[in-house]
Structures are given as structure tokens and as C-alpha cells.
Amino acid sequence: MDKYSGYVSNFVLALLHCGTNAHLMHWTTSSYSKHKALARFYDSIVEQTDDYAESYMGKYGQLKKFPNEYHPPNADPIKYFETLSKFVMDIRKELPQDSELNQLVDNIQQNIDSTLYKLKYLN
């Protein structure tokens, strides 16, 4: 177990959960544009998370332990994604700083930012 594994486990599990949460918000919104933006997000975030996890494990070793908490969404989608964006910005300081892993985190952040744009401005 390396010094990053706890942070990486939290990071990838939170991202998988945000995919589930986006799917739940997708089902419960009455806005067609939000429905589509959330669908695009949950369709892509699981693959992006898998890319990050597998790249990390290829370099640092297999992750074996993950947190056992799940936090369902309790905010509107915009607030949820703003919180998610802050989470990614904060935790990235604790993740490995290898350029290829940073690029994957950048792609995840871009997906969140793009989804926020669609949720805020495309009605």
C-alpha cells in the first residue's frame, strides 16, 4: 500500500458514486436539457474513473480497500456539481502528480465543468 492509496480509493469511489447520483438526478429532473446533460455525464464519468483507476494501479499497485459510505444527492444538480468540482480540485493535491494521471484528472474536471455549463445555461 502506497501513500496515495487512501486518497485514490476515496477519489475513485466518489466519482463512481457521482455517476450514480447523476443518474438519479437524470431520472428526477423535469428539465429536458438537464436530463440530457446529466445523461451525458453519467455515460462518461464511469469510463473516465476506470481509466484513472487502472492507470494508477498499473503504476502504483492494485487498490484493495474502499470506503463503505454512500452519499445520495440531496441538492439540486447545479449545487451538487459545484460541490463535486470543489472536491476534485481539493483532492487532486493529495493524488499522485504524475503527468499522465494529472491529465486524466483534468479530463474529469473538464467533464464536470462542461456539465455545469449545460446545467446552468442551456435551458
Protein backbone atom coordinates (compact mmCIF):
# COMPACT_ATOMS: atom_id res chain seq x y z
CA MET A 1 0.00 0.00 0.00
CA ASP A 2 1.47 3.35 -1.03
CA LYS A 3 0.96 6.79 0.47
CA TYR A 4 -1.69 7.66 -2.12
CA SER A 5 -3.97 4.62 -1.96
CA GLY A 6 -6.38 6.03 0.64
CA TYR A 7 -6.87 9.24 -1.30
CA VAL A 8 -7.17 7.43 -4.62
CA SER A 9 -9.71 4.96 -3.18
CA ASN A 10 -11.81 7.88 -1.90
CA PHE A 11 -11.44 9.71 -5.22
CA VAL A 12 -12.48 6.85 -7.49
CA LEU A 13 -15.34 5.75 -5.25
CA ALA A 14 -16.67 9.32 -5.06
CA LEU A 15 -16.53 9.50 -8.85
CA LEU A 16 -18.42 6.23 -9.23
CA HIS A 17 -21.00 7.49 -6.76
CA CYS A 18 -21.35 10.76 -8.66
CA GLY A 19 -22.18 8.73 -11.76
CA THR A 20 -24.97 7.01 -9.84
CA ASN A 21 -26.10 10.32 -8.36
CA ALA A 22 -26.17 11.96 -11.78
CA HIS A 23 -28.29 9.05 -13.00
CA LEU A 24 -30.73 9.56 -10.11
CA MET A 25 -30.93 13.31 -10.83
CA HIS A 26 -31.39 12.47 -14.54
CA TRP A 27 -34.47 10.43 -13.67
CA THR A 28 -35.97 13.02 -11.35
CA THR A 29 -35.50 16.27 -13.25
CA SER A 30 -38.37 17.80 -15.18
CA SER A 31 -35.97 19.74 -17.41
CA TYR A 32 -35.13 18.14 -20.74
CA SER A 33 -31.81 19.99 -21.02
CA LYS A 34 -30.76 18.89 -17.52
CA HIS A 35 -31.94 15.37 -18.30
CA LYS A 36 -29.65 15.27 -21.36
CA ALA A 37 -26.67 16.95 -19.62
CA LEU A 38 -26.84 14.51 -16.72
CA ALA A 39 -27.11 11.54 -19.08
CA ARG A 40 -24.02 12.64 -20.97
CA PHE A 41 -22.16 13.00 -17.68
CA TYR A 42 -23.05 9.61 -16.20
CA ASP A 43 -22.35 7.91 -19.51
CA SER A 44 -18.78 9.23 -19.49
CA ILE A 45 -17.72 9.51 -15.84
CA VAL A 46 -17.63 5.76 -15.18
CA GLU A 47 -15.26 5.21 -18.09
CA GLN A 48 -13.11 8.17 -17.03
CA THR A 49 -12.97 6.80 -13.49
CA ASP A 50 -11.98 3.37 -14.77
CA ASP A 51 -9.22 4.94 -16.90
CA TYR A 52 -7.84 6.76 -13.87
CA ALA A 53 -8.06 3.75 -11.54
CA GLU A 54 -6.41 1.36 -13.98
CA SER A 55 -3.63 3.83 -14.82
CA TYR A 56 -2.98 4.44 -11.15
CA MET A 57 -2.94 0.70 -10.36
CA GLY A 58 -0.64 -0.01 -13.29
CA LYS A 59 1.89 2.36 -11.78
CA TYR A 60 1.34 2.08 -8.01
CA GLY A 61 -0.37 -1.26 -7.41
CA GLN A 62 -3.86 -2.60 -7.06
CA LEU A 63 -6.36 -0.85 -4.82
CA LYS A 64 -7.83 -3.29 -2.31
CA LYS A 65 -9.85 -1.18 0.14
CA PHE A 66 -12.57 1.36 -0.47
CA PRO A 67 -14.75 3.43 1.86
CA ASN A 68 -18.11 1.86 2.64
CA GLU A 69 -20.19 5.05 2.69
CA TYR A 70 -22.54 6.24 0.02
CA HIS A 71 -23.95 9.76 -0.02
CA PRO A 72 -27.05 10.12 -2.21
CA PRO A 73 -27.61 13.51 -3.82
CA ASN A 74 -29.51 15.92 -1.61
CA ALA A 75 -29.01 19.13 -3.55
CA ASP A 76 -30.12 20.41 -6.87
CA PRO A 77 -27.86 19.35 -9.76
CA ILE A 78 -26.03 22.68 -10.03
CA LYS A 79 -25.12 22.75 -6.34
CA TYR A 80 -24.19 19.08 -6.48
CA PHE A 81 -21.81 19.62 -9.40
CA GLU A 82 -20.32 22.75 -7.82
CA THR A 83 -19.55 20.67 -4.73
CA LEU A 84 -18.15 17.88 -6.89
CA SER A 85 -15.92 20.35 -8.72
CA LYS A 86 -14.54 21.64 -5.42
CA PHE A 87 -13.96 18.07 -4.22
CA VAL A 88 -11.89 17.25 -7.32
CA MET A 89 -9.90 20.48 -7.03
CA ASP A 90 -9.18 19.83 -3.35
CA ILE A 91 -8.32 16.13 -3.51
CA ARG A 92 -6.09 16.41 -6.57
CA LYS A 93 -3.42 17.94 -4.33
CA GLU A 94 -3.30 14.62 -2.45
CA LEU A 95 -3.23 12.40 -5.55
CA PRO A 96 -0.07 11.31 -7.38
CA GLN A 97 1.30 14.11 -9.52
CA ASP A 98 2.41 12.01 -12.49
CA SER A 99 1.58 13.89 -15.70
CA GLU A 100 -0.47 11.06 -17.20
CA LEU A 101 -2.60 10.80 -14.05
CA ASN A 102 -2.98 14.59 -13.85
CA GLN A 103 -4.20 14.59 -17.43
CA LEU A 104 -6.93 12.10 -16.52
CA VAL A 105 -7.95 14.26 -13.53
CA ASP A 106 -8.01 17.27 -15.87
CA ASN A 107 -10.36 15.36 -18.19
CA ILE A 108 -12.63 14.53 -15.27
CA GLN A 109 -12.64 18.18 -14.15
CA GLN A 110 -13.42 19.27 -17.71
CA ASN A 111 -16.39 16.88 -17.79
CA ILE A 112 -17.70 18.37 -14.54
CA ASP A 113 -17.18 21.95 -15.77
CA SER A 114 -18.89 21.22 -19.08
CA THR A 115 -21.82 19.62 -17.28
CA LEU A 116 -22.09 22.66 -15.01
CA TYR A 117 -22.23 24.93 -18.06
CA LYS A 118 -25.03 22.84 -19.56
CA LEU A 119 -26.96 22.73 -16.29
CA LYS A 120 -26.65 26.49 -15.72
CA TYR A 121 -27.09 27.96 -19.17
CA LEU A 122 -28.81 25.54 -21.54
CA ASN A 123 -32.46 25.60 -20.68
